[in-house]
Amino acid sequence: MQKRLCSEKQNCTNPAEINLVKMKLKRADKRKRQEEPASPQRSKFTRACSGATTSKAEKSCFFCGSSSETLHEASTFNIATRVRECAHQLQDKVLIAKLSAGDMISQEAVYHATAW
């Protein structure tokens, strides 16, 4: 025999039934609020409506920062290892800091062929 849940007008004595009725009321209230048209004050502020645009930064040499001449993309993991060894030998803290952000491939590093 199934137990009938109490309605809002009936007196509920079972705590489980009371919680179920409260949950149903909360859900109905939430659905009602979602169906109402959003007022201008309650609208969400998103990146798209902020007017901000993303632009692609011009690529510059990983070593000197210049964007002149022809730049080559880092394409092997050996480059990062070799550059890291050289940076430690030269104690170039700026270059070590750049390399600490990740390998050169993931940073999409480019360099002048004459830098080597």
Protein backbone atom coordinates (compact mmCIF):
# COMPACT_ATOMS: atom_id res chain seq x y z
CA MET A 1 0.00 0.00 0.00
CA GLN A 2 1.47 3.33 -1.05
CA LYS A 3 1.50 6.16 1.38
CA ARG A 4 -0.10 9.31 0.03
CA LEU A 5 1.90 12.50 0.43
CA CYS A 6 0.18 15.31 2.21
CA SER A 7 -0.79 18.39 0.25
CA GLU A 8 -0.19 21.96 1.36
CA LYS A 9 -3.65 22.21 2.87
CA GLN A 10 -3.35 19.04 4.93
CA ASN A 11 -1.49 18.78 8.20
CA CYS A 12 1.71 16.77 7.81
CA THR A 13 3.09 14.97 10.80
CA ASN A 14 5.85 12.93 9.22
CA PRO A 15 9.10 14.94 9.01
CA ALA A 16 10.00 13.28 5.70
CA GLU A 17 6.69 14.42 4.20
CA ILE A 18 7.27 17.96 5.49
CA ASN A 19 10.73 18.08 3.90
CA LEU A 20 9.37 16.74 0.61
CA VAL A 21 6.64 19.39 0.49
CA LYS A 22 9.19 22.14 1.27
CA MET A 23 11.49 20.85 -1.48
CA LYS A 24 8.62 20.82 -4.01
CA LEU A 25 7.68 24.39 -3.06
CA LYS A 26 11.28 25.58 -3.47
CA ARG A 27 11.54 23.95 -6.89
CA ALA A 28 8.22 25.46 -8.03
CA ASP A 29 9.36 28.90 -6.83
CA LYS A 30 12.67 28.52 -8.67
CA ARG A 31 10.88 27.53 -11.90
CA LYS A 32 8.59 30.53 -11.56
CA ARG A 33 11.55 32.91 -11.14
CA GLN A 34 13.30 31.43 -14.20
CA GLU A 35 10.22 31.93 -16.37
CA GLU A 36 9.96 35.64 -15.49
CA PRO A 37 11.71 37.96 -17.95
CA ALA A 38 15.00 39.22 -16.59
CA SER A 39 15.00 42.85 -15.59
CA PRO A 40 17.89 45.05 -16.78
CA GLN A 41 19.22 45.28 -13.23
CA ARG A 42 19.47 41.50 -12.86
CA SER A 43 21.11 40.74 -16.21
CA LYS A 44 24.45 39.01 -16.18
CA PHE A 45 27.63 40.85 -17.06
CA THR A 46 29.73 38.74 -19.41
CA ARG A 47 33.00 39.25 -21.24
CA ALA A 48 31.11 39.50 -24.51
CA CYS A 49 29.13 42.53 -23.33
CA SER A 50 32.14 44.24 -21.76
CA GLY A 51 33.40 45.46 -25.13
CA ALA A 52 36.83 43.94 -24.53
CA THR A 53 38.45 42.31 -27.49
CA THR A 54 41.30 39.91 -27.65
CA SER A 55 44.01 40.60 -30.14
CA LYS A 56 46.80 38.35 -31.18
CA ALA A 57 50.08 39.67 -29.89
CA GLU A 58 52.88 40.07 -32.37
CA LYS A 59 55.46 37.35 -31.93
CA SER A 60 58.89 38.46 -30.82
CA CYS A 61 62.17 36.64 -30.32
CA PHE A 62 62.32 34.58 -27.12
CA PHE A 63 65.87 35.74 -26.47
CA CYS A 64 66.11 39.39 -27.55
CA GLY A 65 62.46 40.49 -27.77
CA SER A 66 62.86 41.89 -31.29
CA SER A 67 60.34 41.05 -33.99
CA SER A 68 62.55 41.99 -36.93
CA GLU A 69 63.93 39.51 -39.46
CA THR A 70 62.72 35.95 -39.93
CA LEU A 71 61.67 34.10 -36.78
CA HIS A 72 61.71 30.32 -36.39
CA GLU A 73 59.34 28.38 -34.14
CA ALA A 74 60.64 26.09 -31.41
CA SER A 75 59.76 22.61 -32.58
CA THR A 76 61.65 20.08 -30.43
CA PHE A 77 61.95 19.48 -26.71
CA ASN A 78 65.75 19.37 -27.00
CA ILE A 79 65.79 23.13 -27.61
CA ALA A 80 64.44 23.89 -24.14
CA THR A 81 66.96 21.56 -22.51
CA ARG A 82 69.86 23.07 -24.39
CA VAL A 83 68.74 26.65 -23.75
CA ARG A 84 68.24 25.88 -20.04
CA GLU A 85 71.78 24.49 -19.76
CA CYS A 86 73.22 27.57 -21.48
CA ALA A 87 71.17 29.93 -19.33
CA HIS A 88 72.46 28.28 -16.15
CA GLN A 89 76.05 28.46 -17.38
CA LEU A 90 75.62 32.15 -18.21
CA GLN A 91 73.54 32.72 -15.07
CA ASP A 92 70.98 34.63 -17.16
CA LYS A 93 68.13 35.07 -14.66
CA VAL A 94 65.74 36.61 -17.19
CA LEU A 95 66.07 33.65 -19.52
CA ILE A 96 65.77 31.16 -16.64
CA ALA A 97 62.57 32.93 -15.56
CA LYS A 98 61.13 32.67 -19.08
CA LEU A 99 61.96 28.95 -19.19
CA SER A 100 60.35 28.34 -15.80
CA ALA A 101 56.95 29.08 -17.35
CA GLY A 102 57.16 25.82 -19.30
CA ASP A 103 58.89 24.33 -22.28
CA MET A 104 59.47 26.48 -25.34
CA ILE A 105 57.00 24.57 -27.50
CA SER A 106 54.07 25.15 -25.15
CA GLN A 107 55.02 28.83 -24.90
CA GLU A 108 55.05 28.97 -28.71
CA ALA A 109 58.51 30.51 -28.54
CA VAL A 110 60.10 31.92 -31.68
CA TYR A 111 63.72 32.92 -32.19
CA HIS A 112 66.14 34.33 -34.74
CA ALA A 113 68.22 31.67 -36.45
CA THR A 114 71.31 33.77 -35.70
CA ALA A 115 70.58 33.56 -31.95
CA TRP A 116 72.08 30.08 -31.94
